[in-house]
């Protein structure tokens, strides 16, 4: 793939992901979270299976076990995202979810028993200030939706760490496809157990579910997989940090959300902190090392 085309496509991925927050908020007006996640994953699974059947149908026990594990984690993460988006503003949800890229370096540092990188520490300090402003200068004012989104960010960080290990052991493309299938299965079981499985009954609901599945999940996953080998690590980190900005823009146009001035400044600080923690400038990069530690790969 041409590098310029790959870079252009890489910046379309956070647009697709940012689109998901207002869509989930709209869908939660009449459907439950587990049903939305189940339908989203199942439709995305079918689409990816059709496109990548040569890889996905080469199944074995190791692949299925690992796909089931990260599928369960992904189902939990997406359910938290749905619930959080319905209980707080979609734009705030997007900024809080982006904290994953700050959490991952600290989690990796703890697992490897080494100090976090300096850029992660600086980024976390900036993000903390941003969260304080986003909450109205009082962490106790964080509503249940914001707390759920923080939980989602931690769950997603776990997903990234576990998936990173698994992709070294099995075919990553097949793993990505089957995790969607297991995510849909577990979410469907959860929906039937907790509140009943609901299907979209209006044109708006159908559009929301299909868009979440094909644009936010299938397209995001397919595009990321195709462009990853052709895009510099720092470009990947920068593109990922644009997701909450896209979320805020789509939330304004789709659900009419506008951040207050202090919340807007807090969101800007969160974005700055995320970029500090993820974007590796060429002058700071050691010669011969092009890989950026802590830049998460997203498949949801």
Protein backbone atom coordinates (compact mmCIF):
# COMPACT_ATOMS: atom_id res chain seq x y z
CA UNK A 1 0.00 0.00 0.00
CA UNK A 2 1.21 3.51 -0.82
CA UNK A 3 2.47 5.23 2.35
CA UNK A 4 0.55 8.47 1.76
CA UNK A 5 -2.65 6.48 1.26
CA UNK A 6 -1.94 4.46 4.40
CA UNK A 7 -1.41 7.61 6.48
CA UNK A 8 -4.61 9.15 5.11
CA UNK A 9 -6.55 5.99 5.95
CA UNK A 10 -5.01 5.87 9.43
CA UNK A 11 -6.57 9.25 10.20
CA UNK A 12 -9.98 7.96 9.11
CA UNK A 13 -9.93 5.36 11.89
CA UNK A 14 -10.30 7.80 14.85
CA UNK A 15 -13.10 9.46 12.89
CA UNK A 16 -14.92 6.12 12.79
CA UNK A 17 -14.27 5.48 16.48
CA UNK A 18 -15.29 9.00 17.50
CA UNK A 19 -18.56 8.45 15.63
CA UNK A 20 -19.46 5.63 18.04
CA UNK A 21 -20.06 7.74 21.17
CA UNK A 22 -23.06 9.79 19.99
CA UNK A 23 -24.39 6.71 18.17
CA UNK A 24 -24.34 4.68 21.39
CA UNK A 25 -26.04 7.54 23.23
CA UNK A 26 -28.81 7.62 20.61
CA UNK A 27 -29.18 3.84 20.65
CA UNK A 28 -29.44 3.72 24.45
CA UNK A 29 -32.60 5.83 24.30
CA UNK A 30 -34.62 2.73 23.40
CA UNK A 31 -32.32 -0.32 23.57
CA UNK A 32 -30.26 -1.86 26.36
CA UNK A 33 -26.46 -1.81 26.30
CA UNK A 34 -25.86 -5.55 26.03
CA UNK A 35 -28.23 -5.87 23.06
CA UNK A 36 -26.49 -3.02 21.22
CA UNK A 37 -23.07 -4.57 21.86
CA UNK A 38 -24.25 -8.04 20.83
CA UNK A 39 -25.71 -6.84 17.54
CA UNK A 40 -22.72 -4.59 16.87
CA UNK A 41 -20.25 -7.42 17.37
CA UNK A 42 -22.25 -10.06 15.49
CA UNK A 43 -22.75 -7.89 12.41
CA UNK A 44 -19.09 -6.82 12.46
CA UNK A 45 -18.05 -10.47 12.90
CA UNK A 46 -20.05 -11.58 9.86
CA UNK A 47 -18.63 -8.73 7.74
CA UNK A 48 -15.04 -9.49 8.79
CA UNK A 49 -15.55 -13.25 8.37
CA UNK A 50 -16.69 -12.72 4.78
CA UNK A 51 -13.67 -10.52 4.03
CA UNK A 52 -11.03 -12.53 5.89
CA UNK A 53 -12.43 -16.07 5.64
CA UNK A 54 -9.10 -17.50 4.42
CA UNK A 55 -7.48 -16.46 7.70
CA UNK A 56 -10.46 -16.74 10.04
CA UNK A 57 -11.44 -20.29 9.09
CA UNK A 58 -8.02 -21.68 10.01
CA UNK A 59 -9.17 -22.36 13.55
CA UNK A 60 -7.62 -24.36 16.35
CA UNK A 61 -8.06 -24.71 20.08
CA UNK A 62 -5.41 -22.14 21.00
CA UNK A 63 -7.01 -19.53 18.73
CA UNK A 64 -10.52 -20.14 20.06
CA UNK A 65 -9.49 -20.02 23.72
CA UNK A 66 -7.64 -16.74 23.26
CA UNK A 67 -10.42 -15.25 21.16
CA UNK A 68 -12.95 -16.17 23.85
CA UNK A 69 -10.86 -14.47 26.55
CA UNK A 70 -10.36 -11.17 24.74
CA UNK A 71 -13.90 -11.37 23.35
CA UNK A 72 -15.22 -11.41 26.92
CA UNK A 73 -13.01 -8.45 27.83
CA UNK A 74 -14.13 -6.56 24.73
CA UNK A 75 -17.81 -7.23 25.48
CA UNK A 76 -17.30 -5.80 28.98
CA UNK A 77 -15.50 -2.75 27.61
CA UNK A 78 -18.12 -1.97 24.95
CA UNK A 79 -20.98 -2.47 27.42
CA UNK A 80 -19.34 0.01 29.80
CA UNK A 81 -18.92 2.43 26.90
CA UNK A 82 -22.62 2.17 26.04
CA UNK A 83 -23.71 2.68 29.64
CA UNK A 84 -21.25 5.51 30.21
CA UNK A 85 -22.25 7.32 27.01
CA UNK A 86 -25.90 7.17 28.05
CA UNK A 87 -25.26 8.59 31.53
CA UNK A 88 -22.85 11.40 30.63
CA UNK A 89 -22.28 13.54 27.56
CA UNK A 90 -20.95 11.65 24.54
CA UNK A 91 -18.11 14.15 24.14
CA UNK A 92 -17.02 13.71 27.77
CA UNK A 93 -17.22 9.94 27.30
CA UNK A 94 -14.84 10.17 24.35
CA UNK A 95 -12.26 12.18 26.28
CA UNK A 96 -12.41 9.87 29.31
CA UNK A 97 -12.09 6.75 27.15
CA UNK A 98 -8.92 8.20 25.62
CA UNK A 99 -7.24 7.86 29.04
CA UNK A 100 -6.50 4.26 28.04
CA UNK A 101 -3.35 5.42 26.26
CA UNK A 102 -2.08 6.85 29.56
CA UNK A 103 -3.08 3.79 31.60
CA UNK A 104 -1.34 1.24 29.37
CA UNK A 105 2.26 2.45 29.92
CA UNK A 106 1.75 2.39 33.70
CA UNK A 107 0.22 -1.09 33.57
CA UNK A 108 3.08 -2.35 31.43
CA UNK A 109 5.60 -0.75 33.78
CA UNK A 110 3.97 -2.49 36.75
CA UNK A 111 3.95 -5.87 34.99
CA UNK A 112 7.58 -5.49 33.92
CA UNK A 113 8.58 -4.05 37.32
CA UNK A 114 10.19 -0.93 35.92
CA UNK A 115 9.58 2.78 36.23
CA UNK A 116 7.18 4.37 33.71
CA UNK A 117 8.71 6.51 30.98
CA UNK A 118 9.02 10.23 31.72
CA UNK A 119 6.58 11.16 28.95
CA UNK A 120 3.96 8.90 30.57
CA UNK A 121 4.42 10.66 33.92
CA UNK A 122 4.16 14.12 32.33
CA UNK A 123 1.15 13.09 30.27
CA UNK A 124 -0.60 11.70 33.35
CA UNK A 125 -0.06 14.93 35.28
CA UNK A 126 -1.57 16.95 32.43
CA UNK A 127 -4.49 14.52 32.08
CA UNK A 128 -5.21 14.72 35.82
CA UNK A 129 -5.48 18.51 35.59
CA UNK A 130 -7.76 18.11 32.58
CA UNK A 131 -10.04 15.68 34.42
CA UNK A 132 -10.28 18.11 37.32
CA UNK A 133 -11.51 20.85 34.98
CA UNK A 134 -13.76 18.49 33.01
CA UNK A 135 -15.48 17.54 36.27
CA UNK A 136 -16.07 21.19 37.15
CA UNK A 137 -12.99 21.50 39.38
CA UNK A 138 -14.35 18.83 41.73
CA UNK A 139 -13.71 15.11 41.27
CA UNK A 140 -16.73 14.36 43.48
CA UNK A 141 -18.94 15.85 40.77
CA UNK A 142 -18.07 13.07 38.33
CA UNK A 143 -21.44 11.50 37.53
CA UNK A 144 -22.00 7.73 37.30
CA UNK A 145 -21.53 7.85 33.53
CA UNK A 146 -18.08 9.41 33.87
CA UNK A 147 -17.08 6.82 36.47
CA UNK A 148 -18.26 4.00 34.17
CA UNK A 149 -16.23 5.51 31.32
CA UNK A 150 -13.14 5.51 33.56
CA UNK A 151 -13.82 1.83 34.28
CA UNK A 152 -14.15 1.24 30.53
CA UNK A 153 -10.76 2.87 29.96
CA UNK A 154 -9.14 0.51 32.49
CA UNK A 155 -10.89 -2.53 30.96
CA UNK A 156 -9.75 -1.48 27.50
CA UNK A 157 -6.20 -1.09 28.78
CA UNK A 158 -6.39 -4.68 30.01
CA UNK A 159 -7.72 -5.71 26.61
CA UNK A 160 -4.75 -4.08 24.88
CA UNK A 161 -2.20 -5.75 27.15
CA UNK A 162 -3.76 -9.23 26.87
CA UNK A 163 -4.33 -8.95 23.12
CA UNK A 164 -0.73 -7.82 22.56
CA UNK A 165 0.47 -11.05 24.14
CA UNK A 166 -2.04 -13.22 22.26
CA UNK A 167 -1.25 -11.83 18.78
CA UNK A 168 2.29 -13.12 19.21
CA UNK A 169 0.95 -16.65 19.72
CA UNK A 170 -1.75 -17.00 17.03
CA UNK A 171 -2.78 -15.39 13.72
CA UNK A 172 -3.66 -11.79 14.71
CA UNK A 173 -6.18 -11.36 11.89
CA UNK A 174 -8.07 -14.53 12.80
CA UNK A 175 -7.90 -13.56 16.48
CA UNK A 176 -9.42 -10.16 15.73
CA UNK A 177 -12.27 -11.67 13.73
CA UNK A 178 -13.18 -14.33 16.27
CA UNK A 179 -12.99 -11.98 19.24
CA UNK A 180 -15.87 -10.09 17.60
CA UNK A 181 -17.83 -13.34 17.36
CA UNK A 182 -17.25 -14.23 21.00
CA UNK A 183 -17.96 -10.64 22.03
CA UNK A 184 -21.34 -10.89 20.32
CA UNK A 185 -22.02 -14.29 21.90
CA UNK A 186 -21.21 -13.19 25.46
CA UNK A 187 -23.10 -9.91 25.08
CA UNK A 188 -26.12 -11.78 23.73
CA UNK A 189 -26.06 -14.14 26.71
CA UNK A 190 -25.78 -11.15 29.02
CA UNK A 191 -28.72 -9.44 27.32
CA UNK A 192 -30.95 -12.51 27.64
CA UNK A 193 -29.92 -13.00 31.27
CA UNK A 194 -30.15 -9.42 32.53
CA UNK A 195 -32.94 -7.64 30.74
CA UNK A 196 -34.02 -9.43 27.62
CA UNK A 197 -32.54 -9.26 24.14
CA UNK A 198 -33.99 -6.35 22.18
CA UNK A 199 -33.84 -5.83 18.42
CA UNK A 200 -33.94 -2.43 16.71
CA UNK A 201 -37.55 -1.60 15.87
CA UNK A 202 -37.28 1.82 14.19
CA UNK A 203 -35.26 3.06 11.21
CA UNK A 204 -33.10 5.20 13.54
CA UNK A 205 -32.25 2.21 15.73
CA UNK A 206 -31.37 0.08 12.70
CA UNK A 207 -29.10 2.82 11.32
CA UNK A 208 -27.38 3.20 14.71
CA UNK A 209 -26.68 -0.53 15.12
CA UNK A 210 -25.52 -1.04 11.53
CA UNK A 211 -23.29 2.07 11.66
CA UNK A 212 -21.73 0.93 14.95
CA UNK A 213 -21.05 -2.50 13.48
CA UNK A 214 -19.80 -1.62 10.01
CA UNK A 215 -18.22 1.82 10.50
CA UNK A 216 -17.00 1.81 14.09
CA UNK A 217 -16.08 -1.87 14.47
CA UNK A 218 -15.56 -3.61 11.12
CA UNK A 219 -14.12 -0.62 9.22
CA UNK A 220 -11.94 0.48 12.14
CA UNK A 221 -10.56 -3.02 12.60
CA UNK A 222 -10.00 -3.73 8.89
CA UNK A 223 -8.39 -0.37 8.16
CA UNK A 224 -6.09 -0.49 11.18
CA UNK A 225 -4.95 -3.98 10.25
CA UNK A 226 -4.19 -2.97 6.66
CA UNK A 227 -2.35 0.30 7.37
CA UNK A 228 -0.43 -0.71 10.53
CA UNK A 229 2.68 -2.00 8.67
CA UNK A 230 2.89 1.13 6.50
CA UNK A 231 2.39 3.90 9.09
CA UNK A 232 5.06 5.27 11.48
CA UNK A 233 4.43 4.61 15.17
CA UNK A 234 4.27 8.31 16.04
CA UNK A 235 1.57 8.79 13.37
CA UNK A 236 -0.46 5.98 14.93
CA UNK A 237 -0.21 7.61 18.36
CA UNK A 238 -1.20 11.02 17.05
CA UNK A 239 -4.15 9.60 15.10
CA UNK A 240 -5.38 7.75 18.18
CA UNK A 241 -5.27 10.94 20.24
CA UNK A 242 -7.68 12.60 17.78
CA UNK A 243 -10.52 10.20 18.66
CA UNK A 244 -11.99 12.34 21.49
CA UNK A 245 -11.87 15.42 19.27
CA UNK A 246 -13.87 13.58 16.62
CA UNK A 247 -16.25 12.42 19.35
CA UNK A 248 -16.85 16.02 20.47
CA UNK A 249 -17.48 17.17 16.88
CA UNK A 250 -19.94 14.37 16.12
CA UNK A 251 -21.66 14.86 19.48
CA UNK A 252 -22.27 18.51 18.61
CA UNK A 253 -23.84 17.73 15.24
CA UNK A 254 -25.76 14.56 16.17
CA UNK A 255 -26.98 15.22 19.72
CA UNK A 256 -26.36 18.96 20.13
CA UNK A 257 -23.82 18.70 22.95
CA UNK A 258 -21.65 21.72 23.73
CA UNK A 259 -18.93 21.66 26.40
CA UNK A 260 -18.80 24.53 28.89
CA UNK A 261 -15.71 26.77 28.64
CA UNK A 262 -14.02 25.19 31.68
CA UNK A 263 -14.91 21.68 30.50
CA UNK A 264 -13.63 22.53 27.02
CA UNK A 265 -10.31 23.63 28.51
CA UNK A 266 -10.19 20.44 30.57
CA UNK A 267 -10.86 18.37 27.46
CA UNK A 268 -8.05 20.22 25.67
CA UNK A 269 -5.69 19.38 28.55
CA UNK A 270 -6.72 15.71 28.40
CA UNK A 271 -6.02 15.67 24.67
CA UNK A 272 -2.65 17.35 25.28
CA UNK A 273 -1.75 14.83 27.97
CA UNK A 274 -2.72 11.92 25.74
CA UNK A 275 -0.56 13.29 22.93
CA UNK A 276 2.38 13.84 25.28
CA UNK A 277 2.11 10.24 26.47
CA UNK A 278 1.75 8.69 23.02
CA UNK A 279 3.36 10.83 20.34
CA UNK A 280 7.07 10.24 19.94
CA UNK A 281 8.78 13.12 18.18
CA UNK A 282 11.63 12.16 15.84
CA UNK A 283 14.21 14.19 17.77
CA UNK A 284 13.36 12.31 20.98
CA UNK A 285 13.55 8.90 19.39
CA UNK A 286 16.68 6.84 19.77
CA UNK A 287 18.36 5.94 16.51
CA UNK A 288 17.26 2.57 15.21
CA UNK A 289 14.14 2.46 17.35
CA UNK A 290 10.94 3.29 15.49
CA UNK A 291 8.54 1.53 17.80
CA UNK A 292 6.62 3.61 20.28
CA UNK A 293 6.01 1.88 23.58
CA UNK A 294 2.51 2.05 24.89
CA UNK A 295 0.68 2.95 21.64
CA UNK A 296 -2.45 0.82 21.80
CA UNK A 297 -3.99 -1.11 18.96
CA UNK A 298 -7.74 -0.98 18.82
CA UNK A 299 -9.93 -3.58 17.23
CA UNK A 300 -13.34 -2.63 18.53
